[in-house]
Amino acid sequence: MSDEDEKTTELPLGKEAEANLFKSRSIFIYGGITQELAHKVCAQLAALAAASDDDIRIFVNSPGGHVESGDSIHDMIGFIKPKVWIIGTGWVASAGALIYVSVPKEQRLCLPNTRFLLHQPSGGTRGMVSDIEIQAREIIKMNARLNAIFAKATGQSIEKIAADTDRDYWLSAEEAKTYGLVGKIITSQSEI
């Protein structure tokens, strides 16, 4: 199998496992945040919300990815009626952290070895100078918007978020709890 195949091959869960996840009202956001993942997660959220108003659990382990795809999931979590609990595991980085803060702090949990990464959005553009200027303005606006979201979610000032995320800002589970990113560190399902 080539490296390319290894990157894109997903092991199917099987219909029984998918049905059990639906019954347990659990969603897993693992891997990079893409349009395809956002479509899948938003569809799962809508289906679970249509099925009942019972709580939903989302497990996040992501290096981040496409910001607008993260926005889509973030907004859908707030849009649906059921209460959503988010559990961080592994690493919750970049657009993954944006999804993580879509619920109130008391509904943001993590496992003890979870690491968090906050940073400025990045982008690359090519083309005419005028198009590059437009993209630069848009990424500056996106950065300001993300700083405001993380400030509101953590209780930190926008200025502190901007200063901390000037470069990669890594936090352990305990540091993230102190920072206001995490509501509670858990070690067992019974704590949810």
N, C-alpha and C. Protein backbone atom coordinates (compact mmCIF):
# COMPACT_ATOMS: atom_id res chain seq x y z
N MET A 1 0.85 -1.18 0.00
CA MET A 1 0.00 0.00 0.00
C MET A 1 0.89 1.24 0.00
N SER A 2 0.59 2.20 -0.83
CA SER A 2 1.40 3.41 -0.91
C SER A 2 1.08 4.35 0.25
N ASP A 3 1.96 5.33 0.48
CA ASP A 3 1.72 6.33 1.52
C ASP A 3 0.41 7.06 1.27
N GLU A 4 0.12 7.35 -0.01
CA GLU A 4 -1.12 8.04 -0.38
C GLU A 4 -2.34 7.24 0.05
N ASP A 5 -2.32 5.91 -0.20
CA ASP A 5 -3.43 5.06 0.18
C ASP A 5 -3.61 5.01 1.69
N GLU A 6 -2.50 4.96 2.43
CA GLU A 6 -2.58 4.91 3.89
C GLU A 6 -3.23 6.16 4.45
N LYS A 7 -3.01 7.30 3.83
CA LYS A 7 -3.56 8.56 4.32
C LYS A 7 -5.06 8.66 4.10
N THR A 8 -5.57 8.03 3.05
CA THR A 8 -6.98 8.21 2.71
C THR A 8 -7.85 7.02 3.04
N THR A 9 -7.28 5.89 3.41
CA THR A 9 -8.07 4.70 3.69
C THR A 9 -8.66 4.80 5.09
N GLU A 10 -9.98 4.67 5.17
CA GLU A 10 -10.64 4.66 6.47
C GLU A 10 -11.19 3.26 6.71
N LEU A 11 -11.07 2.81 7.92
CA LEU A 11 -11.66 1.52 8.26
C LEU A 11 -13.14 1.74 8.54
N PRO A 12 -14.00 1.01 7.88
CA PRO A 12 -15.43 1.20 8.13
C PRO A 12 -15.80 0.69 9.52
N LEU A 13 -16.68 1.41 10.17
CA LEU A 13 -17.12 0.98 11.50
C LEU A 13 -18.10 -0.17 11.41
N GLY A 14 -18.83 -0.25 10.34
CA GLY A 14 -19.87 -1.25 10.23
C GLY A 14 -21.19 -0.68 10.70
N LYS A 15 -22.25 -1.22 10.16
CA LYS A 15 -23.59 -0.68 10.44
C LYS A 15 -23.96 -0.81 11.92
N GLU A 16 -23.56 -1.92 12.55
CA GLU A 16 -23.91 -2.12 13.96
C GLU A 16 -23.21 -1.09 14.84
N ALA A 17 -21.91 -0.85 14.59
CA ALA A 17 -21.18 0.14 15.38
C ALA A 17 -21.75 1.54 15.15
N GLU A 18 -22.08 1.87 13.90
CA GLU A 18 -22.68 3.18 13.59
C GLU A 18 -24.01 3.34 14.33
N ALA A 19 -24.81 2.28 14.33
CA ALA A 19 -26.10 2.32 15.02
C ALA A 19 -25.91 2.50 16.53
N ASN A 20 -24.91 1.82 17.09
CA ASN A 20 -24.63 1.96 18.53
C ASN A 20 -24.17 3.38 18.86
N LEU A 21 -23.34 3.97 18.00
CA LEU A 21 -22.92 5.36 18.22
C LEU A 21 -24.12 6.29 18.19
N PHE A 22 -25.02 6.07 17.24
CA PHE A 22 -26.22 6.90 17.14
C PHE A 22 -27.06 6.76 18.41
N LYS A 23 -27.25 5.51 18.86
CA LYS A 23 -28.03 5.27 20.09
C LYS A 23 -27.38 5.92 21.30
N SER A 24 -26.05 5.89 21.34
CA SER A 24 -25.34 6.48 22.48
C SER A 24 -25.23 8.00 22.36
N ARG A 25 -25.66 8.54 21.20
CA ARG A 25 -25.65 9.98 20.92
C ARG A 25 -24.23 10.54 21.02
N SER A 26 -23.29 9.79 20.44
CA SER A 26 -21.88 10.16 20.45
C SER A 26 -21.38 10.41 19.04
N ILE A 27 -20.58 11.47 18.90
CA ILE A 27 -19.96 11.83 17.62
C ILE A 27 -18.46 11.94 17.86
N PHE A 28 -17.68 11.45 16.92
CA PHE A 28 -16.22 11.53 17.02
C PHE A 28 -15.68 12.44 15.92
N ILE A 29 -14.98 13.48 16.34
CA ILE A 29 -14.28 14.37 15.40
C ILE A 29 -12.80 14.08 15.58
N TYR A 30 -12.31 13.19 14.75
CA TYR A 30 -10.91 12.77 14.81
C TYR A 30 -10.25 13.10 13.48
N GLY A 31 -9.08 13.71 13.53
CA GLY A 31 -8.37 14.04 12.30
C GLY A 31 -8.58 15.49 11.90
N GLY A 32 -8.13 15.79 10.69
CA GLY A 32 -8.19 17.16 10.18
C GLY A 32 -9.62 17.62 9.94
N ILE A 33 -9.85 18.91 10.16
CA ILE A 33 -11.16 19.51 9.95
C ILE A 33 -11.27 19.90 8.47
N THR A 34 -12.17 19.24 7.77
CA THR A 34 -12.37 19.46 6.34
C THR A 34 -13.84 19.73 6.06
N GLN A 35 -14.15 20.13 4.82
CA GLN A 35 -15.55 20.30 4.41
C GLN A 35 -16.31 18.99 4.53
N GLU A 36 -15.66 17.89 4.14
CA GLU A 36 -16.32 16.58 4.20
C GLU A 36 -16.65 16.20 5.65
N LEU A 37 -15.69 16.43 6.55
CA LEU A 37 -15.94 16.13 7.96
C LEU A 37 -17.05 17.03 8.50
N ALA A 38 -17.03 18.32 8.16
CA ALA A 38 -18.06 19.25 8.62
C ALA A 38 -19.44 18.80 8.14
N HIS A 39 -19.53 18.38 6.90
CA HIS A 39 -20.80 17.90 6.36
C HIS A 39 -21.29 16.69 7.16
N LYS A 40 -20.39 15.74 7.40
CA LYS A 40 -20.75 14.53 8.13
C LYS A 40 -21.20 14.85 9.56
N VAL A 41 -20.42 15.68 10.26
CA VAL A 41 -20.73 16.00 11.66
C VAL A 41 -22.02 16.81 11.76
N CYS A 42 -22.21 17.80 10.89
CA CYS A 42 -23.43 18.61 10.92
C CYS A 42 -24.66 17.75 10.62
N ALA A 43 -24.53 16.80 9.69
CA ALA A 43 -25.63 15.89 9.39
C ALA A 43 -25.93 15.00 10.60
N GLN A 44 -24.88 14.51 11.28
CA GLN A 44 -25.09 13.69 12.48
C GLN A 44 -25.78 14.51 13.57
N LEU A 45 -25.35 15.75 13.76
CA LEU A 45 -25.97 16.61 14.77
C LEU A 45 -27.44 16.85 14.46
N ALA A 46 -27.75 17.14 13.20
CA ALA A 46 -29.14 17.38 12.81
C ALA A 46 -29.98 16.12 13.01
N ALA A 47 -29.44 14.96 12.66
CA ALA A 47 -30.17 13.70 12.83
C ALA A 47 -30.41 13.40 14.31
N LEU A 48 -29.39 13.58 15.14
CA LEU A 48 -29.55 13.34 16.57
C LEU A 48 -30.55 14.32 17.19
N ALA A 49 -30.51 15.58 16.76
CA ALA A 49 -31.45 16.59 17.27
C ALA A 49 -32.88 16.24 16.85
N ALA A 50 -33.05 15.71 15.64
CA ALA A 50 -34.39 15.32 15.17
C ALA A 50 -34.90 14.10 15.93
N ALA A 51 -33.99 13.23 16.35
CA ALA A 51 -34.38 11.99 17.04
C ALA A 51 -34.86 12.25 18.46
N SER A 52 -34.19 13.18 19.18
CA SER A 52 -34.61 13.50 20.55
C SER A 52 -33.85 14.72 21.06
N ASP A 53 -34.30 15.23 22.20
CA ASP A 53 -33.63 16.37 22.83
C ASP A 53 -32.60 15.93 23.87
N ASP A 54 -32.33 14.62 23.96
CA ASP A 54 -31.34 14.13 24.91
C ASP A 54 -29.96 14.69 24.58
N ASP A 55 -29.10 14.75 25.60
CA ASP A 55 -27.75 15.28 25.43
C ASP A 55 -26.96 14.52 24.36
N ILE A 56 -26.02 15.23 23.74
CA ILE A 56 -25.12 14.66 22.74
C ILE A 56 -23.69 14.82 23.27
N ARG A 57 -22.85 13.81 23.02
CA ARG A 57 -21.43 13.90 23.38
C ARG A 57 -20.59 13.92 22.12
N ILE A 58 -19.67 14.88 22.05
CA ILE A 58 -18.74 14.96 20.93
C ILE A 58 -17.33 14.80 21.47
N PHE A 59 -16.60 13.86 20.91
CA PHE A 59 -15.20 13.63 21.28
C PHE A 59 -14.34 14.28 20.20
N VAL A 60 -13.40 15.14 20.61
CA VAL A 60 -12.55 15.86 19.65
C VAL A 60 -11.09 15.48 19.86
N ASN A 61 -10.45 15.06 18.78
CA ASN A 61 -9.02 14.77 18.74
C ASN A 61 -8.56 15.21 17.35
N SER A 62 -8.11 16.46 17.23
CA SER A 62 -7.88 17.02 15.90
C SER A 62 -6.69 17.97 15.87
N PRO A 63 -5.90 17.90 14.78
CA PRO A 63 -4.81 18.86 14.59
C PRO A 63 -5.30 20.19 14.03
N GLY A 64 -6.61 20.29 13.78
CA GLY A 64 -7.17 21.50 13.19
C GLY A 64 -7.38 21.32 11.71
N GLY A 65 -7.47 22.41 11.00
CA GLY A 65 -7.70 22.33 9.57
C GLY A 65 -8.38 23.57 9.04
N HIS A 66 -9.36 23.38 8.20
CA HIS A 66 -10.07 24.45 7.50
C HIS A 66 -10.95 25.23 8.48
N VAL A 67 -10.66 26.51 8.68
CA VAL A 67 -11.36 27.31 9.69
C VAL A 67 -12.86 27.37 9.41
N GLU A 68 -13.24 27.63 8.17
CA GLU A 68 -14.66 27.76 7.86
C GLU A 68 -15.42 26.45 8.09
N SER A 69 -14.76 25.32 7.91
CA SER A 69 -15.39 24.03 8.22
C SER A 69 -15.57 23.91 9.73
N GLY A 70 -14.58 24.38 10.50
CA GLY A 70 -14.72 24.43 11.95
C GLY A 70 -15.84 25.36 12.38
N ASP A 71 -15.96 26.50 11.69
CA ASP A 71 -17.06 27.44 11.96
C ASP A 71 -18.42 26.76 11.78
N SER A 72 -18.54 25.98 10.73
CA SER A 72 -19.80 25.30 10.42
C SER A 72 -20.21 24.37 11.56
N ILE A 73 -19.26 23.57 12.04
CA ILE A 73 -19.55 22.66 13.15
C ILE A 73 -19.83 23.45 14.43
N HIS A 74 -18.99 24.46 14.71
CA HIS A 74 -19.16 25.32 15.88
C HIS A 74 -20.58 25.90 15.91
N ASP A 75 -21.01 26.46 14.80
CA ASP A 75 -22.32 27.11 14.74
C ASP A 75 -23.46 26.10 14.83
N MET A 76 -23.32 24.94 14.21
CA MET A 76 -24.37 23.92 14.26
C MET A 76 -24.56 23.40 15.68
N ILE A 77 -23.49 23.28 16.44
CA ILE A 77 -23.59 22.83 17.83
C ILE A 77 -24.45 23.80 18.63
N GLY A 78 -24.28 25.09 18.40
CA GLY A 78 -25.10 26.08 19.08
C GLY A 78 -26.51 26.18 18.54
N PHE A 79 -26.71 25.78 17.31
CA PHE A 79 -27.99 25.90 16.62
C PHE A 79 -29.00 24.86 17.07
N ILE A 80 -28.54 23.64 17.32
CA ILE A 80 -29.47 22.56 17.65
C ILE A 80 -29.96 22.68 19.09
N LYS A 81 -31.11 22.05 19.37
CA LYS A 81 -31.73 22.14 20.70
C LYS A 81 -31.03 21.31 21.78
N PRO A 82 -30.60 20.07 21.49
CA PRO A 82 -30.00 19.26 22.56
C PRO A 82 -28.74 19.90 23.16
N LYS A 83 -28.54 19.65 24.43
CA LYS A 83 -27.31 20.08 25.10
C LYS A 83 -26.16 19.21 24.59
N VAL A 84 -25.03 19.85 24.30
CA VAL A 84 -23.87 19.13 23.77
C VAL A 84 -22.74 19.20 24.79
N TRP A 85 -22.14 18.05 25.05
CA TRP A 85 -20.94 17.95 25.88
C TRP A 85 -19.78 17.68 24.94
N ILE A 86 -18.66 18.38 25.12
CA ILE A 86 -17.50 18.14 24.27
C ILE A 86 -16.36 17.62 25.14
N ILE A 87 -15.79 16.50 24.70
CA ILE A 87 -14.70 15.86 25.43
C ILE A 87 -13.44 15.90 24.56
N GLY A 88 -12.42 16.61 25.03
CA GLY A 88 -11.15 16.66 24.33
C GLY A 88 -10.31 15.45 24.70
N THR A 89 -9.63 14.90 23.70
CA THR A 89 -8.74 13.77 23.92
C THR A 89 -7.61 13.84 22.90
N GLY A 90 -6.44 13.40 23.29
CA GLY A 90 -5.30 13.48 22.36
C GLY A 90 -4.84 14.92 22.24
N TRP A 91 -5.16 15.52 21.11
CA TRP A 91 -4.88 16.95 20.97
C TRP A 91 -6.06 17.65 20.35
N VAL A 92 -6.26 18.87 20.80
CA VAL A 92 -7.36 19.72 20.34
C VAL A 92 -6.69 21.00 19.87
N ALA A 93 -6.49 21.10 18.57
CA ALA A 93 -5.66 22.18 18.04
C ALA A 93 -6.40 23.01 17.00
N SER A 94 -6.10 24.30 16.98
CA SER A 94 -6.50 25.19 15.91
C SER A 94 -8.01 25.14 15.67
N ALA A 95 -8.46 24.74 14.49
CA ALA A 95 -9.90 24.66 14.21
C ALA A 95 -10.59 23.63 15.10
N GLY A 96 -9.84 22.64 15.60
CA GLY A 96 -10.39 21.70 16.57
C GLY A 96 -10.73 22.41 17.88
N ALA A 97 -9.88 23.37 18.27
CA ALA A 97 -10.14 24.15 19.48
C ALA A 97 -11.35 25.07 19.28
N LEU A 98 -11.52 25.58 18.06
CA LEU A 98 -12.70 26.39 17.75
C LEU A 98 -13.98 25.59 17.97
N ILE A 99 -13.98 24.35 17.52
CA ILE A 99 -15.14 23.48 17.75
C ILE A 99 -15.30 23.21 19.25
N TYR A 100 -14.19 22.98 19.92
CA TYR A 100 -14.21 22.66 21.36
C TYR A 100 -14.91 23.75 22.17
N VAL A 101 -14.70 25.01 21.83
CA VAL A 101 -15.27 26.11 22.63
C VAL A 101 -16.68 26.50 22.20
N SER A 102 -17.34 25.65 21.43
CA SER A 102 -18.69 25.97 20.96
C SER A 102 -19.76 25.78 22.03
N VAL A 103 -19.38 25.24 23.16
CA VAL A 103 -20.33 25.02 24.26
C VAL A 103 -19.84 25.78 25.50
N PRO A 104 -20.75 26.03 26.47
CA PRO A 104 -20.32 26.69 27.70
C PRO A 104 -19.22 25.91 28.42
N LYS A 105 -18.41 26.61 29.17
CA LYS A 105 -17.24 26.03 29.84
C LYS A 105 -17.59 24.78 30.65
N GLU A 106 -18.72 24.79 31.35
CA GLU A 106 -19.06 23.63 32.18
C GLU A 106 -19.38 22.38 31.35
N GLN A 107 -19.58 22.54 30.05
CA GLN A 107 -19.84 21.40 29.16
C GLN A 107 -18.59 21.02 28.36
N ARG A 108 -17.45 21.66 28.67
CA ARG A 108 -16.17 21.35 28.01
C ARG A 108 -15.32 20.51 28.96
N LEU A 109 -15.14 19.26 28.60
CA LEU A 109 -14.38 18.32 29.41
C LEU A 109 -13.17 17.86 28.62
N CYS A 110 -12.19 17.28 29.31
CA CYS A 110 -11.08 16.66 28.59
C CYS A 110 -10.50 15.54 29.43
N LEU A 111 -9.81 14.64 28.74
CA LEU A 111 -9.08 13.57 29.41
C LEU A 111 -7.73 14.12 29.85
N PRO A 112 -7.08 13.50 30.84
CA PRO A 112 -5.91 14.11 31.48
C PRO A 112 -4.71 14.38 30.59
N ASN A 113 -4.52 13.61 29.53
CA ASN A 113 -3.34 13.80 28.69
C ASN A 113 -3.61 14.62 27.43
N THR A 114 -4.75 15.28 27.38
CA THR A 114 -5.09 16.10 26.22
C THR A 114 -4.20 17.34 26.19
N ARG A 115 -3.78 17.70 24.98
CA ARG A 115 -3.01 18.93 24.77
C ARG A 115 -3.83 19.85 23.87
N PHE A 116 -3.71 21.13 24.11
CA PHE A 116 -4.46 22.14 23.36
C PHE A 116 -3.49 23.07 22.65
N LEU A 117 -3.87 23.52 21.46
CA LEU A 117 -3.08 24.48 20.70
C LEU A 117 -3.98 25.58 20.17
N LEU A 118 -3.65 26.80 20.56
CA LEU A 118 -4.30 27.99 20.01
C LEU A 118 -3.25 28.75 19.22
N HIS A 119 -3.65 29.30 18.08
CA HIS A 119 -2.72 30.11 17.30
C HIS A 119 -3.49 30.93 16.27
N GLN A 120 -2.78 31.82 15.61
CA GLN A 120 -3.39 32.62 14.55
C GLN A 120 -3.76 31.72 13.38
N PRO A 121 -4.79 32.10 12.63
CA PRO A 121 -5.06 31.35 11.41
C PRO A 121 -3.93 31.57 10.41
N SER A 122 -3.70 30.58 9.59
CA SER A 122 -2.67 30.74 8.56
C SER A 122 -3.33 30.57 7.20
N GLY A 123 -2.68 31.11 6.22
CA GLY A 123 -3.22 30.99 4.87
C GLY A 123 -2.12 31.21 3.87
N GLY A 124 -2.35 30.76 2.71
CA GLY A 124 -1.40 30.98 1.63
C GLY A 124 -2.18 31.40 0.41
N THR A 125 -1.68 32.38 -0.26
CA THR A 125 -2.38 32.84 -1.45
C THR A 125 -1.38 33.15 -2.53
N ARG A 126 -1.86 33.07 -3.74
CA ARG A 126 -1.05 33.39 -4.90
C ARG A 126 -1.91 34.24 -5.81
N GLY A 127 -1.26 34.90 -6.70
CA GLY A 127 -2.02 35.66 -7.68
C GLY A 127 -1.59 37.10 -7.73
N MET A 128 -2.50 37.91 -8.22
CA MET A 128 -2.21 39.33 -8.38
C MET A 128 -2.13 40.01 -7.02
N VAL A 129 -1.39 41.10 -6.97
CA VAL A 129 -1.20 41.85 -5.73
C VAL A 129 -2.54 42.23 -5.12
N SER A 130 -3.48 42.69 -5.92
CA SER A 130 -4.78 43.10 -5.39
C SER A 130 -5.51 41.93 -4.73
N ASP A 131 -5.40 40.73 -5.29
CA ASP A 131 -6.02 39.55 -4.67
C ASP A 131 -5.32 39.17 -3.38
N ILE A 132 -4.01 39.29 -3.35
CA ILE A 132 -3.25 39.00 -2.13
C ILE A 132 -3.63 39.99 -1.03
N GLU A 133 -3.83 41.25 -1.38
CA GLU A 133 -4.26 42.26 -0.39
C GLU A 133 -5.63 41.91 0.18
N ILE A 134 -6.54 41.47 -0.68
CA ILE A 134 -7.88 41.08 -0.22
C ILE A 134 -7.77 39.91 0.75
N GLN A 135 -6.98 38.89 0.40
CA GLN A 135 -6.81 37.73 1.28
C GLN A 135 -6.19 38.12 2.61
N ALA A 136 -5.22 39.04 2.57
CA ALA A 136 -4.57 39.49 3.81
C ALA A 136 -5.59 40.19 4.72
N ARG A 137 -6.43 41.04 4.15
CA ARG A 137 -7.47 41.72 4.95
C ARG A 137 -8.43 40.70 5.56
N GLU A 138 -8.80 39.70 4.77
CA GLU A 138 -9.73 38.68 5.26
C GLU A 138 -9.13 37.86 6.40
N ILE A 139 -7.87 37.50 6.30
CA ILE A 139 -7.25 36.70 7.37
C ILE A 139 -7.07 37.54 8.63
N ILE A 140 -6.85 38.84 8.49
CA ILE A 140 -6.78 39.73 9.66
C ILE A 140 -8.15 39.81 10.33
N LYS A 141 -9.22 39.92 9.55
CA LYS A 141 -10.57 39.93 10.12
C LYS A 141 -10.88 38.59 10.80
N MET A 142 -10.47 37.49 10.16
CA MET A 142 -10.69 36.17 10.74
C MET A 142 -9.96 36.05 12.08
N ASN A 143 -8.73 36.52 12.14
CA ASN A 143 -7.95 36.46 13.38
C ASN A 143 -8.65 37.24 14.49
N ALA A 144 -9.16 38.43 14.18
CA ALA A 144 -9.87 39.23 15.19
C ALA A 144 -11.13 38.51 15.66
N ARG A 145 -11.85 37.90 14.74
CA ARG A 145 -13.08 37.17 15.09
C ARG A 145 -12.75 35.98 15.99
N LEU A 146 -11.72 35.22 15.63
CA LEU A 146 -11.33 34.06 16.45
C LEU A 146 -10.85 34.49 17.83
N ASN A 147 -10.08 35.58 17.90
CA ASN A 147 -9.65 36.08 19.21
C ASN A 147 -10.85 36.42 20.08
N ALA A 148 -11.88 37.03 19.50
CA ALA A 148 -13.09 37.37 20.26
C ALA A 148 -13.82 36.11 20.73
N ILE A 149 -13.89 35.10 19.89
CA ILE A 149 -14.54 33.83 20.27
C ILE A 149 -13.80 33.19 21.45
N PHE A 150 -12.47 33.11 21.36
CA PHE A 150 -11.70 32.48 22.43
C PHE A 150 -11.71 33.32 23.70
N ALA A 151 -11.74 34.64 23.57
CA ALA A 151 -11.82 35.51 24.75
C ALA A 151 -13.14 35.27 25.49
N LYS A 152 -14.22 35.25 24.74
CA LYS A 152 -15.54 35.01 25.36
C LYS A 152 -15.59 33.63 26.01
N ALA A 153 -15.04 32.63 25.35
CA ALA A 153 -15.10 31.25 25.86
C ALA A 153 -14.25 31.04 27.10
N THR A 154 -13.12 31.74 27.20
CA THR A 154 -12.18 31.50 28.30
C THR A 154 -12.27 32.52 29.43
N GLY A 155 -12.84 33.69 29.15
CA GLY A 155 -12.84 34.76 30.14
C GLY A 155 -11.56 35.59 30.09
N GLN A 156 -10.66 35.27 29.18
CA GLN A 156 -9.44 36.07 29.01
C GLN A 156 -9.78 37.31 28.18
N SER A 157 -8.95 38.33 28.26
CA SER A 157 -9.18 39.52 27.43
C SER A 157 -8.78 39.22 25.98
N ILE A 158 -9.37 39.97 25.07
CA ILE A 158 -9.00 39.82 23.65
C ILE A 158 -7.52 40.11 23.48
N GLU A 159 -7.01 41.09 24.21
CA GLU A 159 -5.59 41.45 24.11
C GLU A 159 -4.69 40.29 24.56
N LYS A 160 -5.10 39.61 25.63
CA LYS A 160 -4.30 38.46 26.11
C LYS A 160 -4.34 37.32 25.09
N ILE A 161 -5.53 37.04 24.57
CA ILE A 161 -5.64 35.98 23.55
C ILE A 161 -4.76 36.33 22.35
N ALA A 162 -4.81 37.58 21.89
CA ALA A 162 -4.01 38.01 20.74
C ALA A 162 -2.52 37.85 21.02
N ALA A 163 -2.10 38.24 22.22
CA ALA A 163 -0.67 38.13 22.58
C ALA A 163 -0.26 36.66 22.69
N ASP A 164 -1.09 35.85 23.34
CA ASP A 164 -0.76 34.43 23.53
C ASP A 164 -0.71 33.67 22.21
N THR A 165 -1.58 34.04 21.28
CA THR A 165 -1.67 33.30 20.02
C THR A 165 -0.84 33.94 18.91
N ASP A 166 0.02 34.89 19.27
CA ASP A 166 0.91 35.49 18.27
C ASP A 166 1.78 34.40 17.64
N ARG A 167 2.08 33.38 18.42
CA ARG A 167 2.77 32.18 17.96
C ARG A 167 1.99 30.99 18.52
N ASP A 168 2.40 29.79 18.19
CA ASP A 168 1.72 28.61 18.73
C ASP A 168 1.68 28.67 20.25
N TYR A 169 0.50 28.47 20.82
CA TYR A 169 0.31 28.53 22.27
C TYR A 169 -0.23 27.17 22.73
N TRP A 170 0.68 26.34 23.27
CA TRP A 170 0.35 24.99 23.72
C TRP A 170 -0.03 25.00 25.19
N LEU A 171 -1.04 24.21 25.54
CA LEU A 171 -1.46 24.08 26.93
C LEU A 171 -1.71 22.61 27.25
N SER A 172 -1.27 22.19 28.43
CA SER A 172 -1.63 20.87 28.94
C SER A 172 -3.09 20.94 29.40
N ALA A 173 -3.64 19.81 29.78
CA ALA A 173 -5.01 19.79 30.29
C ALA A 173 -5.16 20.71 31.50
N GLU A 174 -4.22 20.62 32.44
CA GLU A 174 -4.28 21.46 33.65
C GLU A 174 -4.12 22.94 33.30
N GLU A 175 -3.18 23.26 32.40
CA GLU A 175 -2.99 24.65 31.98
C GLU A 175 -4.24 25.18 31.27
N ALA A 176 -4.86 24.33 30.46
CA ALA A 176 -6.07 24.74 29.74
C ALA A 176 -7.22 24.98 30.71
N LYS A 177 -7.27 24.21 31.79
CA LYS A 177 -8.31 24.41 32.81
C LYS A 177 -8.09 25.75 33.51
N THR A 178 -6.86 26.03 33.89
CA THR A 178 -6.53 27.30 34.54
C THR A 178 -6.81 28.48 33.61
N TYR A 179 -6.56 28.31 32.33
CA TYR A 179 -6.75 29.36 31.31
C TYR A 179 -8.22 29.65 31.04
N GLY A 180 -9.10 28.70 31.41
CA GLY A 180 -10.53 28.87 31.16
C GLY A 180 -11.03 28.15 29.93
N LEU A 181 -10.16 27.39 29.30
CA LEU A 181 -10.53 26.65 28.09
C LEU A 181 -11.31 25.38 28.45
N VAL A 182 -10.91 24.72 29.52
CA VAL A 182 -11.50 23.45 29.96
C VAL A 182 -12.30 23.68 31.23
N GLY A 183 -13.49 23.07 31.28
CA GLY A 183 -14.30 23.14 32.49
C GLY A 183 -13.89 22.12 33.53
N LYS A 184 -13.60 20.89 33.07
CA LYS A 184 -13.28 19.81 34.01
C LYS A 184 -12.44 18.76 33.30
N ILE A 185 -11.45 18.26 34.02
CA ILE A 185 -10.64 17.14 33.52
C ILE A 185 -11.25 15.86 34.09
N ILE A 186 -11.55 14.91 33.22
CA ILE A 186 -12.21 13.68 33.65
C ILE A 186 -11.34 12.46 33.31
N THR A 187 -11.60 11.37 34.02
CA THR A 187 -10.87 10.13 33.76
C THR A 187 -11.81 8.96 33.47
N SER A 188 -13.12 9.19 33.58
CA SER A 188 -14.09 8.10 33.43
C SER A 188 -15.38 8.62 32.81
N GLN A 189 -16.06 7.76 32.05
CA GLN A 189 -17.36 8.10 31.48
C GLN A 189 -18.36 8.51 32.54
N SER A 190 -18.24 7.92 33.71
CA SER A 190 -19.20 8.20 34.78
C SER A 190 -19.15 9.66 35.24
N GLU A 191 -18.10 10.39 34.86
CA GLU A 191 -17.97 11.79 35.26
C GLU A 191 -18.69 12.75 34.31
N ILE A 192 -19.21 12.21 33.21
CA ILE A 192 -19.92 13.06 32.25
C ILE A 192 -21.35 13.26 32.70
